[in-house]
N, C-alpha and C. Protein backbone atom coordinates (compact mmCIF):
# COMPACT_ATOMS: atom_id res chain seq x y z
N MET A 1 14.73 -7.67 -0.82
CA MET A 1 14.23 -6.58 -1.61
C MET A 1 14.11 -5.34 -0.74
N ILE A 2 14.13 -4.19 -1.38
CA ILE A 2 14.03 -2.92 -0.65
C ILE A 2 12.56 -2.50 -0.59
N ASN A 3 12.13 -2.09 0.58
CA ASN A 3 10.78 -1.58 0.79
C ASN A 3 10.88 -0.09 1.09
N ARG A 4 10.33 0.71 0.20
CA ARG A 4 10.28 2.16 0.43
C ARG A 4 8.94 2.51 1.05
N LYS A 5 8.98 3.40 2.05
CA LYS A 5 7.72 3.80 2.68
C LYS A 5 7.79 5.24 3.16
N ILE A 6 6.63 5.84 3.24
CA ILE A 6 6.50 7.20 3.76
C ILE A 6 6.39 7.09 5.28
N MET A 7 7.15 7.92 5.98
CA MET A 7 7.09 7.93 7.44
C MET A 7 6.83 9.35 7.92
N PHE A 8 5.87 9.48 8.84
CA PHE A 8 5.68 10.73 9.57
C PHE A 8 6.57 10.60 10.80
N MET A 9 7.69 11.32 10.81
CA MET A 9 8.71 11.16 11.85
C MET A 9 8.39 11.96 13.11
N SER A 10 7.95 13.19 12.93
CA SER A 10 7.59 14.09 14.02
C SER A 10 6.63 15.11 13.41
N PRO A 11 6.05 15.99 14.19
CA PRO A 11 5.08 16.92 13.61
C PRO A 11 5.64 17.65 12.38
N PHE A 12 4.92 17.48 11.29
CA PHE A 12 5.20 18.11 10.00
C PHE A 12 6.57 17.75 9.41
N GLN A 13 7.12 16.62 9.80
CA GLN A 13 8.37 16.10 9.22
C GLN A 13 8.07 14.74 8.58
N VAL A 14 8.24 14.70 7.25
CA VAL A 14 7.94 13.50 6.48
C VAL A 14 9.23 13.02 5.81
N GLU A 15 9.46 11.72 5.84
CA GLU A 15 10.63 11.15 5.20
C GLU A 15 10.24 9.91 4.39
N MET A 16 10.98 9.68 3.30
CA MET A 16 10.88 8.42 2.57
C MET A 16 11.98 7.55 3.16
N VAL A 17 11.59 6.41 3.68
CA VAL A 17 12.53 5.49 4.33
C VAL A 17 12.67 4.25 3.46
N GLU A 18 13.90 3.81 3.27
CA GLU A 18 14.15 2.55 2.57
C GLU A 18 14.70 1.56 3.58
N GLU A 19 14.14 0.37 3.58
CA GLU A 19 14.62 -0.67 4.48
C GLU A 19 14.56 -2.01 3.78
N GLU A 20 15.39 -2.92 4.23
CA GLU A 20 15.38 -4.27 3.66
C GLU A 20 14.09 -4.95 4.07
N TYR A 21 13.38 -5.48 3.10
CA TYR A 21 12.14 -6.20 3.38
C TYR A 21 12.41 -7.68 3.22
N VAL A 22 12.25 -8.41 4.29
CA VAL A 22 12.45 -9.86 4.25
C VAL A 22 11.08 -10.51 4.32
N PRO A 23 10.60 -11.04 3.19
CA PRO A 23 9.27 -11.65 3.20
C PRO A 23 9.18 -12.78 4.21
N LYS A 24 8.08 -12.79 4.95
CA LYS A 24 7.84 -13.85 5.91
C LYS A 24 6.94 -14.90 5.28
N THR A 25 6.83 -16.01 5.91
CA THR A 25 5.88 -17.01 5.46
C THR A 25 4.49 -16.44 5.67
N LEU A 26 3.70 -16.42 4.62
CA LEU A 26 2.37 -15.84 4.71
C LEU A 26 1.44 -16.72 5.52
N GLY A 27 0.58 -16.07 6.30
CA GLY A 27 -0.48 -16.79 6.99
C GLY A 27 -1.47 -17.32 5.97
N ASP A 28 -2.30 -18.22 6.39
CA ASP A 28 -3.26 -18.87 5.51
C ASP A 28 -4.12 -17.89 4.72
N GLN A 29 -4.52 -16.78 5.35
CA GLN A 29 -5.41 -15.81 4.72
C GLN A 29 -4.74 -14.47 4.46
N GLU A 30 -3.43 -14.46 4.27
CA GLU A 30 -2.69 -13.23 4.00
C GLU A 30 -2.24 -13.17 2.55
N VAL A 31 -2.05 -11.93 2.06
CA VAL A 31 -1.48 -11.72 0.74
C VAL A 31 -0.36 -10.68 0.84
N LEU A 32 0.68 -10.88 0.04
CA LEU A 32 1.77 -9.92 -0.09
C LEU A 32 1.45 -9.09 -1.31
N VAL A 33 1.43 -7.75 -1.15
CA VAL A 33 1.10 -6.86 -2.26
C VAL A 33 2.23 -5.88 -2.51
N LYS A 34 2.31 -5.41 -3.77
CA LYS A 34 3.27 -4.39 -4.17
C LYS A 34 2.49 -3.18 -4.67
N LEU A 35 2.84 -2.02 -4.17
CA LEU A 35 2.13 -0.79 -4.44
C LEU A 35 2.21 -0.35 -5.90
N ILE A 36 1.07 0.09 -6.42
CA ILE A 36 1.01 0.76 -7.72
C ILE A 36 0.67 2.23 -7.49
N TYR A 37 -0.42 2.48 -6.76
CA TYR A 37 -0.84 3.83 -6.41
C TYR A 37 -1.20 3.88 -4.94
N SER A 38 -0.85 4.97 -4.29
CA SER A 38 -1.24 5.19 -2.90
C SER A 38 -2.08 6.46 -2.86
N LEU A 39 -3.24 6.38 -2.26
CA LEU A 39 -4.14 7.52 -2.19
C LEU A 39 -4.08 8.12 -0.79
N ILE A 40 -4.22 9.42 -0.71
CA ILE A 40 -4.15 10.07 0.60
C ILE A 40 -5.52 10.61 1.02
N SER A 41 -5.64 10.82 2.30
CA SER A 41 -6.78 11.51 2.87
C SER A 41 -6.24 12.80 3.47
N PRO A 42 -6.37 13.92 2.78
CA PRO A 42 -5.76 15.16 3.26
C PRO A 42 -6.18 15.53 4.67
N GLY A 43 -7.44 15.36 5.01
CA GLY A 43 -7.89 15.73 6.36
C GLY A 43 -7.31 14.83 7.43
N THR A 44 -7.52 13.53 7.29
CA THR A 44 -7.07 12.57 8.29
C THR A 44 -5.55 12.56 8.40
N GLU A 45 -4.87 12.50 7.27
CA GLU A 45 -3.41 12.38 7.32
C GLU A 45 -2.73 13.69 7.74
N MET A 46 -3.31 14.84 7.42
CA MET A 46 -2.75 16.10 7.93
C MET A 46 -2.94 16.18 9.44
N ALA A 47 -4.07 15.67 9.92
CA ALA A 47 -4.29 15.64 11.37
C ALA A 47 -3.24 14.75 12.03
N MET A 48 -2.96 13.60 11.41
CA MET A 48 -1.93 12.70 11.95
C MET A 48 -0.57 13.38 11.95
N LEU A 49 -0.24 14.05 10.85
CA LEU A 49 1.06 14.70 10.70
C LEU A 49 1.26 15.84 11.69
N SER A 50 0.19 16.41 12.18
CA SER A 50 0.30 17.50 13.16
C SER A 50 0.88 17.01 14.48
N GLY A 51 0.76 15.70 14.73
CA GLY A 51 1.26 15.16 15.99
C GLY A 51 0.31 15.37 17.16
N LYS A 52 -0.86 15.92 16.90
CA LYS A 52 -1.81 16.23 17.97
C LYS A 52 -2.88 15.17 18.17
N GLU A 53 -2.85 14.13 17.36
CA GLU A 53 -3.87 13.07 17.47
C GLU A 53 -3.37 11.96 18.39
N ASP A 54 -4.10 11.69 19.47
CA ASP A 54 -3.70 10.65 20.42
C ASP A 54 -3.68 9.25 19.79
N TRP A 55 -4.52 9.04 18.79
CA TRP A 55 -4.64 7.73 18.13
C TRP A 55 -3.57 7.50 17.07
N ALA A 56 -2.74 8.51 16.80
CA ALA A 56 -1.70 8.39 15.76
C ALA A 56 -0.37 8.85 16.33
N LYS A 57 0.28 7.98 17.08
CA LYS A 57 1.55 8.32 17.72
C LYS A 57 2.69 8.31 16.69
N LEU A 58 3.45 9.38 16.63
CA LEU A 58 4.60 9.50 15.73
C LEU A 58 5.82 8.89 16.37
N PRO A 59 6.73 8.29 15.63
CA PRO A 59 6.71 8.11 14.18
C PRO A 59 5.78 6.98 13.77
N LEU A 60 5.26 7.09 12.53
CA LEU A 60 4.40 6.04 12.00
C LEU A 60 4.40 6.08 10.47
N CYS A 61 4.04 4.95 9.89
CA CYS A 61 3.85 4.85 8.45
C CYS A 61 2.35 5.02 8.21
N PRO A 62 1.93 6.17 7.69
CA PRO A 62 0.50 6.41 7.51
C PRO A 62 -0.05 5.60 6.35
N GLY A 63 -1.33 5.69 6.19
CA GLY A 63 -1.95 5.03 5.06
C GLY A 63 -3.42 5.33 5.00
N TYR A 64 -3.96 5.13 3.85
CA TYR A 64 -5.38 5.36 3.66
C TYR A 64 -5.92 4.26 2.75
N SER A 65 -5.72 4.42 1.47
CA SER A 65 -6.14 3.38 0.54
C SER A 65 -5.13 3.30 -0.58
N SER A 66 -5.11 2.16 -1.26
CA SER A 66 -4.11 1.98 -2.29
C SER A 66 -4.56 0.96 -3.33
N VAL A 67 -3.86 1.02 -4.45
CA VAL A 67 -4.02 0.04 -5.51
C VAL A 67 -2.71 -0.73 -5.57
N ASN A 68 -2.80 -2.04 -5.49
CA ASN A 68 -1.62 -2.89 -5.43
C ASN A 68 -1.76 -4.08 -6.36
N ARG A 69 -0.62 -4.67 -6.69
CA ARG A 69 -0.59 -5.93 -7.41
C ARG A 69 -0.25 -7.02 -6.39
N ILE A 70 -1.03 -8.09 -6.39
CA ILE A 70 -0.74 -9.20 -5.48
C ILE A 70 0.49 -9.94 -5.97
N VAL A 71 1.46 -10.09 -5.07
CA VAL A 71 2.70 -10.80 -5.38
C VAL A 71 2.55 -12.28 -5.05
N GLU A 72 1.93 -12.55 -3.89
CA GLU A 72 1.81 -13.93 -3.41
C GLU A 72 0.61 -14.04 -2.49
N CYS A 73 -0.02 -15.20 -2.50
CA CYS A 73 -1.19 -15.46 -1.64
C CYS A 73 -0.89 -16.58 -0.66
N GLY A 74 -1.47 -16.46 0.54
CA GLY A 74 -1.41 -17.55 1.50
C GLY A 74 -2.17 -18.75 0.97
N LYS A 75 -1.89 -19.92 1.52
CA LYS A 75 -2.47 -21.17 1.01
C LYS A 75 -3.99 -21.23 1.06
N GLY A 76 -4.62 -20.52 1.99
CA GLY A 76 -6.06 -20.58 2.11
C GLY A 76 -6.82 -19.52 1.32
N VAL A 77 -6.12 -18.63 0.66
CA VAL A 77 -6.77 -17.56 -0.10
C VAL A 77 -7.35 -18.13 -1.38
N GLN A 78 -8.66 -17.94 -1.57
CA GLN A 78 -9.32 -18.52 -2.74
C GLN A 78 -9.86 -17.47 -3.70
N ASP A 79 -10.14 -16.27 -3.22
CA ASP A 79 -10.78 -15.26 -4.08
C ASP A 79 -9.80 -14.42 -4.87
N PHE A 80 -8.52 -14.54 -4.59
CA PHE A 80 -7.50 -13.73 -5.26
C PHE A 80 -6.36 -14.62 -5.71
N GLN A 81 -5.56 -14.10 -6.64
CA GLN A 81 -4.39 -14.84 -7.11
C GLN A 81 -3.26 -13.86 -7.39
N ALA A 82 -2.06 -14.38 -7.47
CA ALA A 82 -0.90 -13.55 -7.81
C ALA A 82 -1.18 -12.84 -9.12
N ASP A 83 -0.77 -11.60 -9.21
CA ASP A 83 -0.92 -10.71 -10.36
C ASP A 83 -2.26 -9.98 -10.40
N ASP A 84 -3.23 -10.33 -9.53
CA ASP A 84 -4.45 -9.54 -9.46
C ASP A 84 -4.10 -8.13 -9.02
N VAL A 85 -4.76 -7.15 -9.60
CA VAL A 85 -4.62 -5.76 -9.17
C VAL A 85 -5.83 -5.46 -8.31
N VAL A 86 -5.57 -5.01 -7.08
CA VAL A 86 -6.64 -4.85 -6.10
C VAL A 86 -6.60 -3.47 -5.45
N PHE A 87 -7.77 -3.03 -5.04
CA PHE A 87 -7.91 -1.84 -4.21
C PHE A 87 -8.13 -2.31 -2.78
N HIS A 88 -7.47 -1.66 -1.83
CA HIS A 88 -7.71 -1.99 -0.41
C HIS A 88 -7.21 -0.86 0.46
N TYR A 89 -7.47 -0.96 1.74
CA TYR A 89 -6.99 0.02 2.70
C TYR A 89 -5.63 -0.45 3.19
N GLY A 90 -4.64 0.45 3.13
CA GLY A 90 -3.30 0.05 3.53
C GLY A 90 -2.39 1.25 3.74
N ASN A 91 -1.14 0.95 4.01
CA ASN A 91 -0.15 1.98 4.29
C ASN A 91 0.53 2.48 3.03
N HIS A 92 1.23 3.61 3.17
CA HIS A 92 1.99 4.18 2.06
C HIS A 92 3.37 3.52 2.04
N CYS A 93 3.42 2.27 1.59
CA CYS A 93 4.69 1.56 1.48
C CYS A 93 4.65 0.65 0.26
N GLU A 94 5.83 0.36 -0.27
CA GLU A 94 5.92 -0.40 -1.51
C GLU A 94 5.44 -1.84 -1.36
N TYR A 95 5.82 -2.50 -0.27
CA TYR A 95 5.39 -3.88 -0.01
C TYR A 95 4.72 -3.94 1.35
N GLN A 96 3.67 -4.75 1.44
CA GLN A 96 3.05 -5.01 2.74
C GLN A 96 2.25 -6.30 2.67
N VAL A 97 2.09 -6.89 3.82
CA VAL A 97 1.26 -8.09 3.96
C VAL A 97 -0.05 -7.66 4.59
N VAL A 98 -1.15 -8.05 3.95
CA VAL A 98 -2.47 -7.69 4.44
C VAL A 98 -3.36 -8.92 4.48
N GLU A 99 -4.40 -8.85 5.26
CA GLU A 99 -5.37 -9.95 5.36
C GLU A 99 -6.25 -9.98 4.12
N ALA A 100 -6.45 -11.13 3.55
CA ALA A 100 -7.30 -11.27 2.37
C ALA A 100 -8.75 -10.97 2.70
N LYS A 101 -9.14 -11.12 3.95
CA LYS A 101 -10.53 -10.86 4.34
C LYS A 101 -10.86 -9.38 4.36
N ASP A 102 -9.82 -8.51 4.34
CA ASP A 102 -10.07 -7.07 4.30
C ASP A 102 -10.82 -6.75 3.01
N ARG A 103 -11.49 -5.65 3.01
CA ARG A 103 -12.31 -5.29 1.85
C ARG A 103 -11.44 -5.02 0.63
N TYR A 104 -11.63 -5.80 -0.39
CA TYR A 104 -10.87 -5.69 -1.63
C TYR A 104 -11.81 -5.50 -2.80
N CYS A 105 -11.27 -4.97 -3.85
CA CYS A 105 -11.97 -4.89 -5.12
C CYS A 105 -10.93 -5.26 -6.18
N VAL A 106 -11.16 -6.34 -6.91
CA VAL A 106 -10.24 -6.74 -7.96
C VAL A 106 -10.55 -5.90 -9.20
N LEU A 107 -9.53 -5.24 -9.72
CA LEU A 107 -9.72 -4.40 -10.90
C LEU A 107 -9.66 -5.24 -12.16
N ASN A 108 -10.42 -4.89 -13.14
CA ASN A 108 -10.46 -5.57 -14.42
C ASN A 108 -9.10 -5.45 -15.10
N ARG A 109 -8.54 -6.55 -15.53
CA ARG A 109 -7.22 -6.55 -16.15
C ARG A 109 -7.20 -5.91 -17.53
N ASN A 110 -8.34 -5.67 -18.13
CA ASN A 110 -8.38 -5.14 -19.48
C ASN A 110 -8.50 -3.62 -19.55
N ILE A 111 -8.54 -2.96 -18.39
CA ILE A 111 -8.67 -1.51 -18.43
C ILE A 111 -7.33 -0.87 -18.75
N GLN A 112 -7.37 0.31 -19.30
CA GLN A 112 -6.18 1.09 -19.57
C GLN A 112 -6.08 2.17 -18.49
N VAL A 113 -4.93 2.28 -17.87
CA VAL A 113 -4.72 3.27 -16.82
C VAL A 113 -3.65 4.23 -17.30
N LEU A 114 -3.94 5.51 -17.23
CA LEU A 114 -2.97 6.51 -17.60
C LEU A 114 -2.18 6.88 -16.35
N VAL A 115 -0.90 6.63 -16.38
CA VAL A 115 -0.03 6.92 -15.24
C VAL A 115 0.52 8.32 -15.42
N LEU A 116 0.21 9.19 -14.48
CA LEU A 116 0.72 10.55 -14.53
C LEU A 116 1.76 10.72 -13.44
N SER A 117 2.93 11.10 -13.84
CA SER A 117 4.01 11.24 -12.89
C SER A 117 5.02 12.23 -13.44
N ARG A 118 5.75 12.89 -12.57
CA ARG A 118 6.83 13.76 -13.03
C ARG A 118 7.93 12.94 -13.67
N ALA A 119 8.11 11.74 -13.20
CA ALA A 119 9.22 10.91 -13.69
C ALA A 119 8.90 10.22 -15.02
N ILE A 120 7.66 9.71 -15.15
CA ILE A 120 7.31 8.97 -16.36
C ILE A 120 5.89 9.29 -16.77
N GLY A 121 5.59 9.06 -18.00
CA GLY A 121 4.21 9.15 -18.49
C GLY A 121 3.97 7.94 -19.36
N ASP A 122 3.39 6.92 -18.81
CA ASP A 122 3.20 5.66 -19.51
C ASP A 122 1.74 5.27 -19.53
N LYS A 123 1.36 4.51 -20.53
CA LYS A 123 0.05 3.90 -20.57
C LYS A 123 0.25 2.45 -20.15
N VAL A 124 -0.46 2.01 -19.13
CA VAL A 124 -0.24 0.70 -18.55
C VAL A 124 -1.50 -0.14 -18.70
N SER A 125 -1.36 -1.37 -19.15
CA SER A 125 -2.50 -2.29 -19.24
C SER A 125 -2.45 -3.26 -18.08
N TYR A 126 -3.62 -3.59 -17.52
CA TYR A 126 -3.71 -4.56 -16.44
C TYR A 126 -4.59 -5.70 -16.87
């Protein structure tokens, strides 16, 4: 499958990168998630993009927080299941593997979310 991600390549240069994503065997407490929404932190991420932050060496795939659908869970994961929609801290990429112990919030599947986008305007149920 193709994994699209935002990359800060050099100061103030941002690219969308597509690469082949080969799923690995998940660790006992890991989950594979697929991005629905990615949220930014204008202050932190603009500081990273400036290239002046020692803790954020370019190039890098930035991230802040996101809403994802769980694709698959490791064998030891008990609090989540495939198809759960979760909030967590992560990168701006379509697919990623994260630790289940990270702070998550499972969203109610019965809520209605209005998707606003230049490309589509859909009402999505979870």
